[in-house]
Amino acid sequence: MRLRVEFTTEPFDLDEAPAHALVAREVVEAAELDAVDVGPFGNTVEGGADAVLTAVDALLRKTLESGATRISLQVNVIGEGAE
């Protein structure tokens, strides 16, 4: 199964990226994902279910530890494929 996750971390800071946003970027860029799109107001990752779910677990744990007070995410199944 292939998944796409869209997520944001808060609180926002328009002047400087907060620590939790930088950590989120590090987590998803280090994960074994097929696609990563990181932007100032939202982020999208895609890949096999195992890789995506592992990355989401790390994302939640590490961004909360780094000061995130809210994490919004949406998970979509985008197709079947190799894990």
Protein backbone atom coordinates (compact mmCIF):
# COMPACT_ATOMS: atom_id res chain seq x y z
CA MET A 1 0.00 0.00 0.00
CA ARG A 2 1.21 3.50 -0.83
CA LEU A 3 0.38 6.46 1.38
CA ARG A 4 0.49 10.24 1.11
CA VAL A 5 0.66 12.31 4.30
CA GLU A 6 0.12 16.04 4.48
CA PHE A 7 1.13 17.68 7.76
CA THR A 8 1.79 20.95 9.54
CA THR A 9 3.33 21.71 12.90
CA GLU A 10 2.47 24.67 15.09
CA PRO A 11 2.96 27.26 16.44
CA PHE A 12 3.87 29.19 13.31
CA ASP A 13 6.57 31.82 13.21
CA LEU A 14 6.73 33.84 10.02
CA ASP A 15 10.07 35.45 10.89
CA GLU A 16 12.10 32.33 11.65
CA ALA A 17 11.46 28.61 11.33
CA PRO A 18 10.81 27.20 14.81
CA ALA A 19 12.80 24.25 16.10
CA HIS A 20 9.90 21.82 15.64
CA ALA A 21 9.60 22.77 11.96
CA LEU A 22 13.31 22.19 11.40
CA VAL A 23 13.09 18.83 13.16
CA ALA A 24 10.09 17.84 11.01
CA ARG A 25 12.08 18.59 7.89
CA GLU A 26 15.06 16.56 9.13
CA VAL A 27 12.84 13.58 9.96
CA VAL A 28 11.10 13.38 6.59
CA GLU A 29 14.23 14.08 4.57
CA ALA A 30 16.10 11.29 6.39
CA ALA A 31 13.27 8.77 5.97
CA GLU A 32 13.16 6.27 3.11
CA LEU A 33 10.29 7.99 1.30
CA ASP A 34 9.62 8.29 -2.43
CA ALA A 35 8.63 11.96 -2.38
CA VAL A 36 9.06 14.81 0.10
CA ASP A 37 7.74 18.34 -0.41
CA VAL A 38 8.48 20.72 2.46
CA GLY A 39 6.98 24.20 2.43
CA PRO A 40 6.29 27.06 4.84
CA PHE A 41 2.60 26.25 5.34
CA GLY A 42 2.39 22.52 4.70
CA ASN A 43 4.40 19.45 3.92
CA THR A 44 3.69 16.33 1.89
CA VAL A 45 5.41 12.95 1.88
CA GLU A 46 4.71 9.77 -0.09
CA GLY A 47 5.93 6.22 0.01
CA GLY A 48 5.23 2.67 1.03
CA ALA A 49 3.03 2.26 4.08
CA ASP A 50 5.79 0.96 6.36
CA ALA A 51 8.18 3.81 5.52
CA VAL A 52 5.48 6.48 5.81
CA LEU A 53 4.11 5.17 9.12
CA THR A 54 7.61 4.89 10.58
CA ALA A 55 8.34 8.47 9.51
CA VAL A 56 5.03 9.72 10.98
CA ASP A 57 5.83 8.06 14.31
CA ALA A 58 9.24 9.75 14.42
CA LEU A 59 7.74 13.03 13.23
CA LEU A 60 5.14 13.11 16.01
CA ARG A 61 7.58 12.16 18.75
CA LYS A 62 10.42 14.45 17.72
CA THR A 63 8.39 17.56 16.87
CA LEU A 64 6.50 17.37 20.16
CA GLU A 65 9.83 17.05 21.97
CA SER A 66 11.02 20.13 20.05
CA GLY A 67 8.16 22.40 21.07
CA ALA A 68 5.28 21.71 18.70
CA THR A 69 1.95 22.34 20.42
CA ARG A 70 -0.20 21.09 17.57
CA ILE A 71 0.43 18.73 14.67
CA SER A 72 -2.19 18.35 11.97
CA LEU A 73 -1.97 15.52 9.51
CA GLN A 74 -3.99 13.80 6.86
CA VAL A 75 -3.24 10.31 5.57
CA ASN A 76 -4.46 9.12 2.17
CA VAL A 77 -4.10 5.76 0.50
CA ILE A 78 -2.90 6.54 -3.02
CA GLY A 79 -2.43 3.05 -4.38
CA GLU A 80 -1.12 -0.43 -3.98
CA GLY A 81 2.55 -1.15 -4.36
CA ALA A 82 5.59 -2.84 -2.96
CA GLU A 83 6.44 -2.15 0.65
